[in-house]
PDB file of N, CA and C in Angstrom:
ATOM      1  N   MET A   1       0.872  -1.228   0.014  1.00  0.00           N
ATOM      2  CA  MET A   1       0.121   0.000  -0.187  1.00  0.00           C
ATOM      3  C   MET A   1       0.805   1.180  -0.182  1.00  0.00           C
ATOM      4  N   ASN A   2       0.718   2.138  -0.988  1.00  0.00           N
ATOM      5  CA  ASN A   2       1.227   3.367  -1.196  1.00  0.00           C
ATOM      6  C   ASN A   2       0.706   4.415   0.004  1.00  0.00           C
ATOM      7  N   LYS A   3       1.755   5.066   0.759  1.00  0.00           N
ATOM      8  CA  LYS A   3       0.907   6.168   1.686  1.00  0.00           C
ATOM      9  C   LYS A   3       2.330   6.912   1.963  1.00  0.00           C
ATOM     10  N   VAL A   4       1.818   8.353   2.488  1.00  0.00           N
ATOM     11  CA  VAL A   4       2.791   9.500   2.951  1.00  0.00           C
ATOM     12  C   VAL A   4       3.406   8.870   4.122  1.00  0.00           C
ATOM     13  N   VAL A   5       4.497   9.002   4.317  1.00  0.00           N
ATOM     14  CA  VAL A   5       5.241   8.366   5.892  1.00  0.00           C
ATOM     15  C   VAL A   5       6.067   9.240   6.576  1.00  0.00           C
ATOM     16  N   GLY A   6       5.560  10.493   6.230  1.00  0.00           N
ATOM     17  CA  GLY A   6       6.512  11.602   7.086  1.00  0.00           C
ATOM     18  C   GLY A   6       5.944  13.031   6.727  1.00  0.00           C
ATOM     19  N   ILE A   7       6.545  13.990   7.401  1.00  0.00           N
ATOM     20  CA  ILE A   7       5.908  15.298   7.125  1.00  0.00           C
ATOM     21  C   ILE A   7       7.319  16.497   7.257  1.00  0.00           C
ATOM     22  N   GLY A   8       7.197  17.412   6.504  1.00  0.00           N
ATOM     23  CA  GLY A   8       8.223  18.397   6.531  1.00  0.00           C
ATOM     24  C   GLY A   8       7.512  19.712   6.584  1.00  0.00           C
ATOM     25  N   ILE A   9       8.130  20.449   7.413  1.00  0.00           N
ATOM     26  CA  ILE A   9       7.364  21.696   7.566  1.00  0.00           C
ATOM     27  C   ILE A   9       8.467  22.785   7.006  1.00  0.00           C
ATOM     28  N   PHE A  10       8.032  24.057   6.507  1.00  0.00           N
ATOM     29  CA  PHE A  10       8.794  25.176   5.946  1.00  0.00           C
ATOM     30  C   PHE A  10       8.108  26.416   6.534  1.00  0.00           C
ATOM     31  N   ILE A  11       9.006  27.131   7.060  1.00  0.00           N
ATOM     32  CA  ILE A  11       8.501  28.367   7.753  1.00  0.00           C
ATOM     33  C   ILE A  11       9.338  29.659   7.014  1.00  0.00           C
ATOM     34  N   ARG A  12       8.451  30.443   6.659  1.00  0.00           N
ATOM     35  CA  ARG A  12       9.016  31.551   5.923  1.00  0.00           C
ATOM     36  C   ARG A  12       9.244  32.634   7.046  1.00  0.00           C
ATOM     37  N   ALA A  13      10.611  33.127   7.115  1.00  0.00           N
ATOM     38  CA  ALA A  13      10.932  33.880   8.130  1.00  0.00           C
ATOM     39  C   ALA A  13      11.325  35.301   7.649  1.00  0.00           C
ATOM     40  N   LYS A  14      11.191  36.388   8.510  1.00  0.00           N
ATOM     41  CA  LYS A  14      11.436  37.564   8.395  1.00  0.00           C
ATOM     42  C   LYS A  14      12.985  37.715   8.334  1.00  0.00           C
ATOM     43  N   ASP A  15      13.715  36.971   9.358  1.00  0.00           N
ATOM     44  CA  ASP A  15      15.184  37.308   9.338  1.00  0.00           C
ATOM     45  C   ASP A  15      15.534  35.457   9.947  1.00  0.00           C
ATOM     46  N   THR A  16      15.882  34.817   8.927  1.00  0.00           N
ATOM     47  CA  THR A  16      16.252  33.464   9.285  1.00  0.00           C
ATOM     48  C   THR A  16      17.421  33.288  10.243  1.00  0.00           C
ATOM     49  N   LYS A  17      18.389  34.145  10.533  1.00  0.00           N
ATOM     50  CA  LYS A  17      19.438  34.090  11.332  1.00  0.00           C
ATOM     51  C   LYS A  17      18.956  34.245  12.676  1.00  0.00           C
ATOM     52  N   ILE A  18      18.123  35.434  13.038  1.00  0.00           N
ATOM     53  CA  ILE A  18      17.520  35.267  14.219  1.00  0.00           C
ATOM     54  C   ILE A  18      16.643  34.542  14.554  1.00  0.00           C
ATOM     55  N   LEU A  19      15.744  34.042  13.729  1.00  0.00           N
ATOM     56  CA  LEU A  19      14.782  32.802  14.187  1.00  0.00           C
ATOM     57  C   LEU A  19      15.706  31.616  14.393  1.00  0.00           C
ATOM     58  N   ARG A  20      16.458  31.220  13.605  1.00  0.00           N
ATOM     59  CA  ARG A  20      17.430  30.218  14.029  1.00  0.00           C
ATOM     60  C   ARG A  20      17.999  30.300  15.251  1.00  0.00           C
ATOM     61  N   GLU A  21      18.554  31.298  15.639  1.00  0.00           N
ATOM     62  CA  GLU A  21      19.121  31.512  16.949  1.00  0.00           C
ATOM     63  C   GLU A  21      18.044  31.217  18.014  1.00  0.00           C
ATOM     64  N   TRP A  22      16.990  31.800  18.211  1.00  0.00           N
ATOM     65  CA  TRP A  22      15.909  31.736  18.952  1.00  0.00           C
ATOM     66  C   TRP A  22      15.506  30.122  19.210  1.00  0.00           C
ATOM     67  N   TYR A  23      15.299  29.335  18.070  1.00  0.00           N
ATOM     68  CA  TYR A  23      14.792  27.951  18.114  1.00  0.00           C
ATOM     69  C   TYR A  23      15.973  27.256  18.757  1.00  0.00           C
ATOM     70  N   LEU A  24      17.261  27.590  18.639  1.00  0.00           N
ATOM     71  CA  LEU A  24      18.424  26.907  19.090  1.00  0.00           C
ATOM     72  C   LEU A  24      18.327  27.102  20.586  1.00  0.00           C
ATOM     73  N   GLU A  25      18.240  28.456  21.145  1.00  0.00           N
ATOM     74  CA  GLU A  25      18.118  28.931  22.402  1.00  0.00           C
ATOM     75  C   GLU A  25      17.078  28.136  23.093  1.00  0.00           C
ATOM     76  N   ASN A  26      16.151  28.310  22.495  1.00  0.00           N
ATOM     77  CA  ASN A  26      14.760  27.998  23.707  1.00  0.00           C
ATOM     78  C   ASN A  26      14.228  26.665  23.466  1.00  0.00           C
ATOM     79  N   LEU A  27      14.455  25.995  22.162  1.00  0.00           N
ATOM     80  CA  LEU A  27      13.968  24.754  22.061  1.00  0.00           C
ATOM     81  C   LEU A  27      15.009  23.610  21.491  1.00  0.00           C
ATOM     82  N   GLU A  28      16.316  24.213  21.722  1.00  0.00           N
ATOM     83  CA  GLU A  28      17.586  23.357  21.287  1.00  0.00           C
ATOM     84  C   GLU A  28      17.257  22.506  20.029  1.00  0.00           C
ATOM     85  N   ILE A  29      16.808  23.408  18.865  1.00  0.00           N
ATOM     86  CA  ILE A  29      16.388  22.821  17.651  1.00  0.00           C
ATOM     87  C   ILE A  29      17.667  23.642  16.946  1.00  0.00           C
ATOM     88  N   ASP A  30      18.589  22.631  16.270  1.00  0.00           N
ATOM     89  CA  ASP A  30      19.777  23.239  15.650  1.00  0.00           C
ATOM     90  C   ASP A  30      19.840  22.950  14.035  1.00  0.00           C
ATOM     91  N   PHE A  31      19.385  24.182  13.382  1.00  0.00           N
ATOM     92  CA  PHE A  31      19.124  24.140  11.902  1.00  0.00           C
ATOM     93  C   PHE A  31      20.221  24.337  11.521  1.00  0.00           C
ATOM     94  N   HIS A  32      20.777  23.670  10.313  1.00  0.00           N
ATOM     95  CA  HIS A  32      21.903  23.763   9.613  1.00  0.00           C
ATOM     96  C   HIS A  32      22.130  25.223   9.404  1.00  0.00           C
ATOM     97  N   PRO A  33      23.530  25.707   9.637  1.00  0.00           N
ATOM     98  CA  PRO A  33      23.630  27.170   9.539  1.00  0.00           C
ATOM     99  C   PRO A  33      23.632  27.742   8.061  1.00  0.00           C
ATOM    100  N   ASP A  34      24.105  26.888   7.221  1.00  0.00           N
ATOM    101  CA  ASP A  34      23.998  27.227   5.667  1.00  0.00           C
ATOM    102  C   ASP A  34      22.738  27.111   5.099  1.00  0.00           C
ATOM    103  N   TYR A  35      22.139  25.717   5.257  1.00  0.00           N
ATOM    104  CA  TYR A  35      21.007  25.357   4.511  1.00  0.00           C
ATOM    105  C   TYR A  35      19.662  25.461   5.114  1.00  0.00           C
ATOM    106  N   LEU A  36      19.892  25.868   6.537  1.00  0.00           N
ATOM    107  CA  LEU A  36      18.620  26.208   7.256  1.00  0.00           C
ATOM    108  C   LEU A  36      17.579  25.070   7.447  1.00  0.00           C
ATOM    109  N   PHE A  37      18.053  23.855   7.757  1.00  0.00           N
ATOM    110  CA  PHE A  37      17.077  22.651   7.887  1.00  0.00           C
ATOM    111  C   PHE A  37      17.566  21.934   9.041  1.00  0.00           C
ATOM    112  N   THR A  38      16.808  21.047   9.610  1.00  0.00           N
ATOM    113  CA  THR A  38      17.196  20.001  10.635  1.00  0.00           C
ATOM    114  C   THR A  38      16.246  18.852  10.482  1.00  0.00           C
ATOM    115  N   THR A  39      16.769  17.969  10.797  1.00  0.00           N
ATOM    116  CA  THR A  39      15.780  16.523  10.654  1.00  0.00           C
ATOM    117  C   THR A  39      15.642  16.252  12.135  1.00  0.00           C
ATOM    118  N   PHE A  40      14.646  15.218  12.229  1.00  0.00           N
ATOM    119  CA  PHE A  40      14.343  14.460  13.468  1.00  0.00           C
ATOM    120  C   PHE A  40      14.354  12.872  13.455  1.00  0.00           C
ATOM    121  N   ALA A  41      15.207  12.280  13.953  1.00  0.00           N
ATOM    122  CA  ALA A  41      15.467  10.929  13.769  1.00  0.00           C
ATOM    123  C   ALA A  41      14.198   9.924  14.249  1.00  0.00           C
ATOM    124  N   PRO A  42      13.624   9.139  13.329  1.00  0.00           N
ATOM    125  CA  PRO A  42      12.730   8.342  13.707  1.00  0.00           C
ATOM    126  C   PRO A  42      12.800   7.545  15.016  1.00  0.00           C
ATOM    127  N   SER A  43      14.320   7.289  15.413  1.00  0.00           N
ATOM    128  CA  SER A  43      14.572   6.371  16.366  1.00  0.00           C
ATOM    129  C   SER A  43      14.462   7.320  17.549  1.00  0.00           C
ATOM    130  N   ASP A  44      14.628   8.519  17.617  1.00  0.00           N
ATOM    131  CA  ASP A  44      14.472   9.622  18.658  1.00  0.00           C
ATOM    132  C   ASP A  44      13.093   9.268  19.119  1.00  0.00           C
ATOM    133  N   MET A  45      12.224   9.713  18.178  1.00  0.00           N
ATOM    134  CA  MET A  45      10.821   9.492  18.458  1.00  0.00           C
ATOM    135  C   MET A  45      10.308   8.565  19.042  1.00  0.00           C
ATOM    136  N   ALA A  46      10.717   7.155  18.551  1.00  0.00           N
ATOM    137  CA  ALA A  46      10.332   5.734  18.717  1.00  0.00           C
ATOM    138  C   ALA A  46      10.350   5.682  20.289  1.00  0.00           C
ATOM    139  N   VAL A  47      11.405   6.260  21.164  1.00  0.00           N
ATOM    140  CA  VAL A  47      11.593   5.968  22.313  1.00  0.00           C
ATOM    141  C   VAL A  47      10.625   6.754  23.282  1.00  0.00           C
ATOM    142  N   VAL A  48       9.914   7.723  22.632  1.00  0.00           N
ATOM    143  CA  VAL A  48       8.765   8.452  23.368  1.00  0.00           C
ATOM    144  C   VAL A  48       7.419   7.712  23.193  1.00  0.00           C
ATOM    145  N   LYS A  49       7.073   6.871  24.118  1.00  0.00           N
ATOM    146  CA  LYS A  49       5.966   6.247  24.045  1.00  0.00           C
ATOM    147  C   LYS A  49       4.708   7.056  23.587  1.00  0.00           C
ATOM    148  N   ASN A  50       3.660   6.461  22.581  1.00  0.00           N
ATOM    149  CA  ASN A  50       2.546   7.186  22.128  1.00  0.00           C
ATOM    150  C   ASN A  50       3.090   8.454  21.189  1.00  0.00           C
ATOM    151  N   SER A  51       4.075   8.532  20.842  1.00  0.00           N
ATOM    152  CA  SER A  51       4.558   9.877  20.002  1.00  0.00           C
ATOM    153  C   SER A  51       4.162   9.737  18.648  1.00  0.00           C
ATOM    154  N   ALA A  52       4.031  10.499  17.900  1.00  0.00           N
ATOM    155  CA  ALA A  52       3.518  10.314  16.422  1.00  0.00           C
ATOM    156  C   ALA A  52       3.898  11.721  15.676  1.00  0.00           C
ATOM    157  N   GLN A  53       4.178  11.629  14.430  1.00  0.00           N
ATOM    158  CA  GLN A  53       4.222  12.797  13.638  1.00  0.00           C
ATOM    159  C   GLN A  53       2.744  13.204  13.373  1.00  0.00           C
ATOM    160  N   MET A  54       2.358  14.479  13.263  1.00  0.00           N
ATOM    161  CA  MET A  54       1.097  14.911  13.121  1.00  0.00           C
ATOM    162  C   MET A  54       0.976  16.043  11.953  1.00  0.00           C
ATOM    163  N   LEU A  55      -0.558  15.951  11.180  1.00  0.00           N
ATOM    164  CA  LEU A  55      -0.854  16.709  10.403  1.00  0.00           C
ATOM    165  C   LEU A  55      -2.331  17.031  10.676  1.00  0.00           C
ATOM    166  N   SER A  56      -2.767  18.291  10.947  1.00  0.00           N
ATOM    167  CA  SER A  56      -4.003  18.377  11.435  1.00  0.00           C
ATOM    168  C   SER A  56      -4.525  19.802  10.590  1.00  0.00           C
ATOM    169  N   LEU A  57      -5.892  19.553  10.397  1.00  0.00           N
ATOM    170  CA  LEU A  57      -6.482  20.664   9.681  1.00  0.00           C
ATOM    171  C   LEU A  57      -7.546  21.282  10.635  1.00  0.00           C
ATOM    172  N   LEU A  58      -7.435  22.703  10.655  1.00  0.00           N
ATOM    173  CA  LEU A  58      -8.388  23.383  11.399  1.00  0.00           C
ATOM    174  C   LEU A  58      -9.351  24.325  10.656  1.00  0.00           C
ATOM    175  N   ASP A  59     -10.498  24.546  10.912  1.00  0.00           N
ATOM    176  CA  ASP A  59     -11.445  25.299  10.598  1.00  0.00           C
ATOM    177  C   ASP A  59     -10.748  26.929  10.431  1.00  0.00           C
ATOM    178  N   GLU A  60     -10.924  27.616   9.448  1.00  0.00           N
ATOM    179  CA  GLU A  60     -10.374  28.936   9.292  1.00  0.00           C
ATOM    180  C   GLU A  60     -10.811  29.880  10.335  1.00  0.00           C
ATOM    181  N   ASN A  61     -11.973  29.574  10.985  1.00  0.00           N
ATOM    182  CA  ASN A  61     -12.278  30.443  12.205  1.00  0.00           C
ATOM    183  C   ASN A  61     -11.928  29.945  13.653  1.00  0.00           C
ATOM    184  N   SER A  62     -11.110  28.763  13.782  1.00  0.00           N
ATOM    185  CA  SER A  62     -10.710  28.306  14.708  1.00  0.00           C
ATOM    186  C   SER A  62      -9.988  29.200  15.591  1.00  0.00           C
ATOM    187  N   GLN A  63     -10.131  29.371  16.672  1.00  0.00           N
ATOM    188  CA  GLN A  63      -9.341  30.204  17.677  1.00  0.00           C
ATOM    189  C   GLN A  63      -7.940  29.729  18.223  1.00  0.00           C
ATOM    190  N   TYR A  64      -7.655  28.306  17.837  1.00  0.00           N
ATOM    191  CA  TYR A  64      -6.639  27.444  18.411  1.00  0.00           C
ATOM    192  C   TYR A  64      -5.269  28.058  18.144  1.00  0.00           C
ATOM    193  N   PHE A  65      -5.224  29.061  17.053  1.00  0.00           N
ATOM    194  CA  PHE A  65      -3.827  29.614  16.641  1.00  0.00           C
ATOM    195  C   PHE A  65      -3.609  30.807  17.435  1.00  0.00           C
ATOM    196  N   GLU A  66      -4.597  31.391  17.890  1.00  0.00           N
ATOM    197  CA  GLU A  66      -4.519  32.848  18.620  1.00  0.00           C
ATOM    198  C   GLU A  66      -3.618  32.860  19.856  1.00  0.00           C
ATOM    199  N   PRO A  67      -2.948  33.825  19.881  1.00  0.00           N
ATOM    200  CA  PRO A  67      -2.988  35.154  19.202  1.00  0.00           C
ATOM    201  C   PRO A  67      -1.992  35.343  18.003  1.00  0.00           C
ATOM    202  N   SER A  68      -1.592  34.165  17.338  1.00  0.00           N
ATOM    203  CA  SER A  68      -0.561  34.092  16.470  1.00  0.00           C
ATOM    204  C   SER A  68      -1.699  34.605  14.951  1.00  0.00           C
ATOM    205  N   LYS A  69      -1.028  35.091  13.941  1.00  0.00           N
ATOM    206  CA  LYS A  69      -1.634  35.584  12.747  1.00  0.00           C
ATOM    207  C   LYS A  69      -1.198  34.415  11.804  1.00  0.00           C
ATOM    208  N   SER A  70      -0.245  33.722  12.073  1.00  0.00           N
ATOM    209  CA  SER A  70       0.182  32.607  10.991  1.00  0.00           C
ATOM    210  C   SER A  70      -0.777  31.776  10.548  1.00  0.00           C
ATOM    211  N   GLY A  71      -0.603  31.174   9.345  1.00  0.00           N
ATOM    212  CA  GLY A  71      -1.728  30.262   9.032  1.00  0.00           C
ATOM    213  C   GLY A  71      -1.417  28.909   9.304  1.00  0.00           C
ATOM    214  N   PHE A  72      -0.291  28.651  10.021  1.00  0.00           N
ATOM    215  CA  PHE A  72       0.178  27.231  10.575  1.00  0.00           C
ATOM    216  C   PHE A  72       0.496  27.551  12.117  1.00  0.00           C
ATOM    217  N   MET A  73       0.648  26.324  12.703  1.00  0.00           N
ATOM    218  CA  MET A  73       1.144  26.196  14.041  1.00  0.00           C
ATOM    219  C   MET A  73       1.815  24.990  14.164  1.00  0.00           C
ATOM    220  N   LEU A  74       2.978  24.951  14.890  1.00  0.00           N
ATOM    221  CA  LEU A  74       3.955  23.958  14.809  1.00  0.00           C
ATOM    222  C   LEU A  74       3.423  23.025  16.057  1.00  0.00           C
ATOM    223  N   ASN A  75       3.525  21.740  16.016  1.00  0.00           N
ATOM    224  CA  ASN A  75       3.406  20.855  17.112  1.00  0.00           C
ATOM    225  C   ASN A  75       4.615  19.985  17.207  1.00  0.00           C
ATOM    226  N   LEU A  76       5.430  20.208  18.294  1.00  0.00           N
ATOM    227  CA  LEU A  76       6.620  19.670  18.616  1.00  0.00           C
ATOM    228  C   LEU A  76       6.534  18.593  19.734  1.00  0.00           C
ATOM    229  N   CYS A  77       6.644  17.337  19.448  1.00  0.00           N
ATOM    230  CA  CYS A  77       6.971  16.182  20.473  1.00  0.00           C
ATOM    231  C   CYS A  77       8.175  16.494  21.272  1.00  0.00           C
ATOM    232  N   VAL A  78       8.026  16.355  22.492  1.00  0.00           N
ATOM    233  CA  VAL A  78       8.965  16.327  23.357  1.00  0.00           C
ATOM    234  C   VAL A  78       8.922  15.178  24.541  1.00  0.00           C
ATOM    235  N   ASN A  79      10.230  14.879  24.958  1.00  0.00           N
ATOM    236  CA  ASN A  79      10.238  14.024  26.098  1.00  0.00           C
ATOM    237  C   ASN A  79      10.353  14.249  27.303  1.00  0.00           C
ATOM    238  N   ASN A  80      10.279  15.608  27.523  1.00  0.00           N
ATOM    239  CA  ASN A  80      10.408  16.321  29.006  1.00  0.00           C
ATOM    240  C   ASN A  80       9.812  17.615  28.829  1.00  0.00           C
ATOM    241  N   ILE A  81       8.408  17.752  28.953  1.00  0.00           N
ATOM    242  CA  ILE A  81       8.097  19.075  29.038  1.00  0.00           C
ATOM    243  C   ILE A  81       8.385  19.956  30.099  1.00  0.00           C
ATOM    244  N   ALA A  82       8.449  19.361  31.319  1.00  0.00           N
ATOM    245  CA  ALA A  82       8.995  20.337  32.414  1.00  0.00           C
ATOM    246  C   ALA A  82      10.211  20.904  32.150  1.00  0.00           C
ATOM    247  N   TYR A  83      11.174  20.389  31.621  1.00  0.00           N
ATOM    248  CA  TYR A  83      12.404  20.653  31.348  1.00  0.00           C
ATOM    249  C   TYR A  83      12.126  22.070  30.412  1.00  0.00           C
ATOM    250  N   PHE A  84      11.448  21.918  29.225  1.00  0.00           N
ATOM    251  CA  PHE A  84      11.343  22.874  28.375  1.00  0.00           C
ATOM    252  C   PHE A  84      10.373  24.043  28.991  1.00  0.00           C
ATOM    253  N   VAL A  85       9.615  23.892  29.926  1.00  0.00           N
ATOM    254  CA  VAL A  85       8.739  24.929  30.635  1.00  0.00           C
ATOM    255  C   VAL A  85       9.702  25.838  31.417  1.00  0.00           C
ATOM    256  N   GLU A  86      10.758  25.147  31.947  1.00  0.00           N
ATOM    257  CA  GLU A  86      11.735  25.909  32.941  1.00  0.00           C
ATOM    258  C   GLU A  86      12.611  26.573  32.034  1.00  0.00           C
ATOM    259  N   LYS A  87      13.154  26.057  30.851  1.00  0.00           N
ATOM    260  CA  LYS A  87      14.023  26.658  29.966  1.00  0.00           C
ATOM    261  C   LYS A  87      13.336  27.986  29.493  1.00  0.00           C
ATOM    262  N   LEU A  88      12.128  27.895  28.941  1.00  0.00           N
ATOM    263  CA  LEU A  88      11.311  28.934  28.348  1.00  0.00           C
ATOM    264  C   LEU A  88      11.118  30.069  29.337  1.00  0.00           C
ATOM    265  N   LYS A  89      10.634  29.774  30.456  1.00  0.00           N
ATOM    266  CA  LYS A  89      10.470  30.699  31.511  1.00  0.00           C
ATOM    267  C   LYS A  89      11.908  31.415  31.769  1.00  0.00           C
ATOM    268  N   ALA A  90      13.125  30.639  31.927  1.00  0.00           N
ATOM    269  CA  ALA A  90      14.418  31.208  32.297  1.00  0.00           C
ATOM    270  C   ALA A  90      14.632  32.440  31.233  1.00  0.00           C
ATOM    271  N   ASN A  91      14.171  31.867  29.939  1.00  0.00           N
ATOM    272  CA  ASN A  91      14.479  32.776  28.768  1.00  0.00           C
ATOM    273  C   ASN A  91      13.497  33.831  28.457  1.00  0.00           C
ATOM    274  N   ASN A  92      12.535  33.950  29.657  1.00  0.00           N
ATOM    275  CA  ASN A  92      11.437  35.116  29.416  1.00  0.00           C
ATOM    276  C   ASN A  92      10.430  34.848  28.237  1.00  0.00           C
ATOM    277  N   VAL A  93      10.437  33.575  27.714  1.00  0.00           N
ATOM    278  CA  VAL A  93       9.517  33.226  26.905  1.00  0.00           C
ATOM    279  C   VAL A  93       8.088  33.213  27.510  1.00  0.00           C
ATOM    280  N   GLU A  94       6.976  33.806  26.926  1.00  0.00           N
ATOM    281  CA  GLU A  94       5.604  33.864  27.691  1.00  0.00           C
ATOM    282  C   GLU A  94       5.090  32.312  27.422  1.00  0.00           C
ATOM    283  N   ILE A  95       4.446  31.831  28.359  1.00  0.00           N
ATOM    284  CA  ILE A  95       3.687  30.594  28.424  1.00  0.00           C
ATOM    285  C   ILE A  95       2.134  31.030  28.176  1.00  0.00           C
ATOM    286  N   LEU A  96       1.726  30.926  26.824  1.00  0.00           N
ATOM    287  CA  LEU A  96       0.420  31.245  26.717  1.00  0.00           C
ATOM    288  C   LEU A  96      -0.713  30.544  27.190  1.00  0.00           C
ATOM    289  N   TRP A  97      -0.533  29.159  27.193  1.00  0.00           N
ATOM    290  CA  TRP A  97      -1.494  28.143  27.938  1.00  0.00           C
ATOM    291  C   TRP A  97      -0.713  27.029  28.004  1.00  0.00           C
ATOM    292  N   GLN A  98      -1.083  26.301  28.992  1.00  0.00           N
ATOM    293  CA  GLN A  98      -0.711  24.864  29.378  1.00  0.00           C
ATOM    294  C   GLN A  98      -1.608  23.918  29.966  1.00  0.00           C
ATOM    295  N   ASP A  99      -1.586  22.878  29.536  1.00  0.00           N
ATOM    296  CA  ASP A  99      -2.354  21.797  30.291  1.00  0.00           C
ATOM    297  C   ASP A  99      -1.458  20.567  30.503  1.00  0.00           C
ATOM    298  N   LEU A 100      -1.185  20.399  31.860  1.00  0.00           N
ATOM    299  CA  LEU A 100      -0.136  19.248  32.297  1.00  0.00           C
ATOM    300  C   LEU A 100      -0.910  18.102  32.606  1.00  0.00           C
ATOM    301  N   GLU A 101      -2.088  18.065  32.509  1.00  0.00           N
ATOM    302  CA  GLU A 101      -3.110  16.938  32.954  1.00  0.00           C
ATOM    303  C   GLU A 101      -4.010  16.275  31.936  1.00  0.00           C
ATOM    304  N   SER A 102      -3.810  16.527  30.779  1.00  0.00           N
ATOM    305  CA  SER A 102      -4.597  16.143  29.688  1.00  0.00           C
ATOM    306  C   SER A 102      -4.755  14.635  29.424  1.00  0.00           C
ATOM    307  N   GLU A 103      -5.637  14.050  29.082  1.00  0.00           N
ATOM    308  CA  GLU A 103      -5.735  12.436  28.792  1.00  0.00           C
ATOM    309  C   GLU A 103      -4.782  12.019  27.612  1.00  0.00           C
ATOM    310  N   HIS A 104      -4.504  13.208  26.889  1.00  0.00           N
ATOM    311  CA  HIS A 104      -3.790  13.110  25.651  1.00  0.00           C
ATOM    312  C   HIS A 104      -2.229  13.418  25.843  1.00  0.00           C
ATOM    313  N   GLY A 105      -1.803  13.571  27.062  1.00  0.00           N
ATOM    314  CA  GLY A 105      -0.446  14.205  27.202  1.00  0.00           C
ATOM    315  C   GLY A 105      -0.417  15.429  28.013  1.00  0.00           C
ATOM    316  N   LYS A 106       0.823  16.224  28.072  1.00  0.00           N
ATOM    317  CA  LYS A 106       0.826  17.384  28.448  1.00  0.00           C
ATOM    318  C   LYS A 106       1.242  18.277  27.614  1.00  0.00           C
ATOM    319  N   PHE A 107       0.715  19.412  27.437  1.00  0.00           N
ATOM    320  CA  PHE A 107       0.665  20.651  26.260  1.00  0.00           C
ATOM    321  C   PHE A 107       1.242  21.842  26.848  1.00  0.00           C
ATOM    322  N   VAL A 108       1.883  22.802  26.217  1.00  0.00           N
ATOM    323  CA  VAL A 108       2.481  23.938  26.388  1.00  0.00           C
ATOM    324  C   VAL A 108       2.104  24.950  25.095  1.00  0.00           C
ATOM    325  N   HIS A 109       1.513  25.934  24.928  1.00  0.00           N
ATOM    326  CA  HIS A 109       1.647  26.903  23.833  1.00  0.00           C
ATOM    327  C   HIS A 109       2.450  28.128  23.986  1.00  0.00           C
ATOM    328  N   ILE A 110       3.200  28.528  23.237  1.00  0.00           N
ATOM    329  CA  ILE A 110       4.141  29.544  23.181  1.00  0.00           C
ATOM    330  C   ILE A 110       4.118  30.188  21.785  1.00  0.00           C
ATOM    331  N   LEU A 111       4.711  31.294  21.641  1.00  0.00           N
ATOM    332  CA  LEU A 111       4.957  32.123  20.380  1.00  0.00           C
ATOM    333  C   LEU A 111       6.439  32.226  19.992  1.00  0.00           C
ATOM    334  N   ASP A 112       6.838  31.869  18.824  1.00  0.00           N
ATOM    335  CA  ASP A 112       8.266  32.447  18.461  1.00  0.00           C
ATOM    336  C   ASP A 112       8.483  33.720  18.454  1.00  0.00           C
ATOM    337  N   ILE A 113       9.662  34.097  18.109  1.00  0.00           N
ATOM    338  CA  ILE A 113       9.669  35.773  18.088  1.00  0.00           C
ATOM    339  C   ILE A 113       9.264  36.374  16.763  1.00  0.00           C
ATOM    340  N   GLU A 114       8.847  35.557  15.822  1.00  0.00           N
ATOM    341  CA  GLU A 114       8.069  36.060  14.670  1.00  0.00           C
ATOM    342  C   GLU A 114       6.447  35.952  14.964  1.00  0.00           C
ATOM    343  N   GLY A 115       6.232  35.450  15.907  1.00  0.00           N
ATOM    344  CA  GLY A 115       4.611  35.542  16.204  1.00  0.00           C
ATOM    345  C   GLY A 115       4.123  33.959  15.847  1.00  0.00           C
ATOM    346  N   ASN A 116       4.890  33.088  15.441  1.00  0.00           N
ATOM    347  CA  ASN A 116       4.348  31.875  15.107  1.00  0.00           C
ATOM    348  C   ASN A 116       4.133  30.914  16.277  1.00  0.00           C
ATOM    349  N   LYS A 117       2.749  30.130  16.333  1.00  0.00           N
ATOM    350  CA  LYS A 117       2.437  29.552  17.645  1.00  0.00           C
ATOM    351  C   LYS A 117       3.091  28.421  17.423  1.00  0.00           C
ATOM    352  N   ILE A 118       3.645  27.639  18.575  1.00  0.00           N
ATOM    353  CA  ILE A 118       4.182  26.518  18.845  1.00  0.00           C
ATOM    354  C   ILE A 118       3.448  25.660  20.020  1.00  0.00           C
ATOM    355  N   GLU A 119       3.060  24.543  19.884  1.00  0.00           N
ATOM    356  CA  GLU A 119       2.483  23.694  20.878  1.00  0.00           C
ATOM    357  C   GLU A 119       3.561  22.551  21.251  1.00  0.00           C
ATOM    358  N   LEU A 120       3.880  22.611  22.468  1.00  0.00           N
ATOM    359  CA  LEU A 120       4.880  21.611  22.807  1.00  0.00           C
ATOM    360  C   LEU A 120       3.915  20.390  23.440  1.00  0.00           C
ATOM    361  N   TRP A 121       4.214  19.309  22.954  1.00  0.00           N
ATOM    362  CA  TRP A 121       3.430  18.133  23.454  1.00  0.00           C
ATOM    363  C   TRP A 121       4.332  16.908  23.776  1.00  0.00           C
ATOM    364  N   GLN A 122       3.842  16.491  25.285  1.00  0.00           N
ATOM    365  CA  GLN A 122       4.510  15.233  25.694  1.00  0.00           C
ATOM    366  C   GLN A 122       3.466  14.227  25.807  1.00  0.00           C
ATOM    367  N   PRO A 123       3.685  13.021  25.054  1.00  0.00           N
ATOM    368  CA  PRO A 123       2.604  12.232  24.999  1.00  0.00           C
ATOM    369  C   PRO A 123       2.486  11.478  26.381  1.00  0.00           C
ATOM    370  N   VAL A 124       1.089  10.813  26.553  1.00  0.00           N
ATOM    371  CA  VAL A 124       1.106  10.108  27.839  1.00  0.00           C
ATOM    372  C   VAL A 124       1.787   8.778  27.929  1.00  0.00           C
TER     373      VAL A 124
END
């Protein structure tokens, strides 16, 4: 059976250098300095129980992206959300919303420095 087996996301940035530095400092995502991409190894995701790559569609009137004006939101699967919450707070990144008791896992919403919404998700 033929099927799509992964997802890639491209972000249009006002300043790729500054946005790259923000992602490295706050989320420890290290984009290649020349080609500005990163990959996530399936083996890393496999050790996080119940993790998955995700592609989701939301109605154009959904408030879920607020306060971002972007037409997309990143969902990043993490293995230790408490670590990132502390790191983000230490770096003065505003936590817009969090639910650390959901039946689907733990969630935190933030904005990057260009106003793109990011959902951190730690599966149950």
